Amino acid sequence: MPAQPDPRCLLELRGPGSSERSLLGPLVRLLGVYGASLPLLVYRVVPVLSGLEAQNLLLPDTIQELQSK
């Protein structure tokens, strides 16, 4: 039987609000009604903005550091 993952670890990896983002993803395609390139623009800009938001975030270097939190 495979080992079950720790639910706390999965919650940390997914992050807060990830389920809401996954629900909104398909709805972005509906923006194509207003312009064919609008969904592509959203799909390209949002990851860049997320990267800028997490720029000063200290991330763990090892699995042991992640588990010690």
Protein backbone atom coordinates (compact mmCIF):
# COMPACT_ATOMS: atom_id res chain seq x y z
CA MET A 1 0.00 0.00 0.00
CA PRO A 2 1.50 3.41 -0.95
CA ALA A 3 2.18 5.90 1.78
CA GLN A 4 -0.49 8.55 2.23
CA PRO A 5 0.74 12.15 1.89
CA ASP A 6 0.42 14.43 4.86
CA PRO A 7 -2.62 16.68 4.20
CA ARG A 8 -0.90 19.63 5.89
CA CYS A 9 1.95 19.44 3.38
CA LEU A 10 -0.47 19.35 0.46
CA LEU A 11 -2.27 22.40 1.80
CA GLU A 12 1.00 24.32 2.01
CA LEU A 13 2.02 23.33 -1.51
CA ARG A 14 -1.30 24.32 -3.00
CA GLY A 15 -1.43 27.57 -1.12
CA PRO A 16 -4.40 29.66 -0.11
CA GLY A 17 -6.88 30.39 -2.85
CA SER A 18 -5.64 27.77 -5.28
CA SER A 19 -9.08 26.20 -5.66
CA GLU A 20 -10.56 29.59 -6.54
CA ARG A 21 -7.88 30.13 -9.16
CA SER A 22 -8.54 26.74 -10.69
CA LEU A 23 -12.22 27.61 -10.98
CA LEU A 24 -11.52 30.94 -12.65
CA GLY A 25 -9.08 29.54 -15.21
CA PRO A 26 -11.68 28.18 -17.65
CA LEU A 27 -13.74 31.34 -17.33
CA VAL A 28 -10.86 33.39 -18.72
CA ARG A 29 -11.48 31.74 -22.08
CA LEU A 30 -14.86 33.45 -22.15
CA LEU A 31 -13.03 36.77 -22.48
CA GLY A 32 -12.42 35.75 -26.09
CA VAL A 33 -15.85 37.18 -26.85
CA TYR A 34 -14.40 40.67 -26.33
CA GLY A 35 -11.16 40.02 -28.18
CA ALA A 36 -9.41 36.93 -29.49
CA SER A 37 -6.10 37.81 -27.84
CA LEU A 38 -7.54 38.82 -24.45
CA PRO A 39 -7.44 35.32 -22.86
CA LEU A 40 -3.85 34.87 -24.03
CA LEU A 41 -2.93 38.21 -22.54
CA VAL A 42 -4.45 37.24 -19.18
CA TYR A 43 -2.72 33.85 -19.21
CA ARG A 44 0.62 35.58 -19.83
CA VAL A 45 0.30 38.52 -17.45
CA VAL A 46 -1.03 36.71 -14.35
CA PRO A 47 2.03 34.42 -13.92
CA VAL A 48 4.36 37.39 -14.29
CA LEU A 49 2.44 39.31 -11.63
CA SER A 50 2.50 36.26 -9.36
CA GLY A 51 6.24 36.01 -9.78
CA LEU A 52 6.66 39.66 -8.85
CA GLU A 53 4.50 39.14 -5.79
CA ALA A 54 6.62 36.19 -4.62
CA GLN A 55 9.93 37.83 -5.47
CA ASN A 56 10.91 38.56 -1.85
CA LEU A 57 9.40 35.39 -0.43
CA LEU A 58 11.91 33.16 1.34
CA LEU A 59 11.49 29.61 0.05
CA PRO A 60 12.95 26.51 1.70
CA ASP A 61 16.03 25.01 0.06
CA THR A 62 15.52 21.44 1.20
CA ILE A 63 12.65 19.11 2.06
CA GLN A 64 13.86 19.08 5.66
CA GLU A 65 13.41 22.85 5.89
CA LEU A 66 9.89 22.50 4.49
CA GLN A 67 8.99 19.79 6.97
CA SER A 68 10.36 21.74 9.94
CA LYS A 69 7.87 24.58 9.37
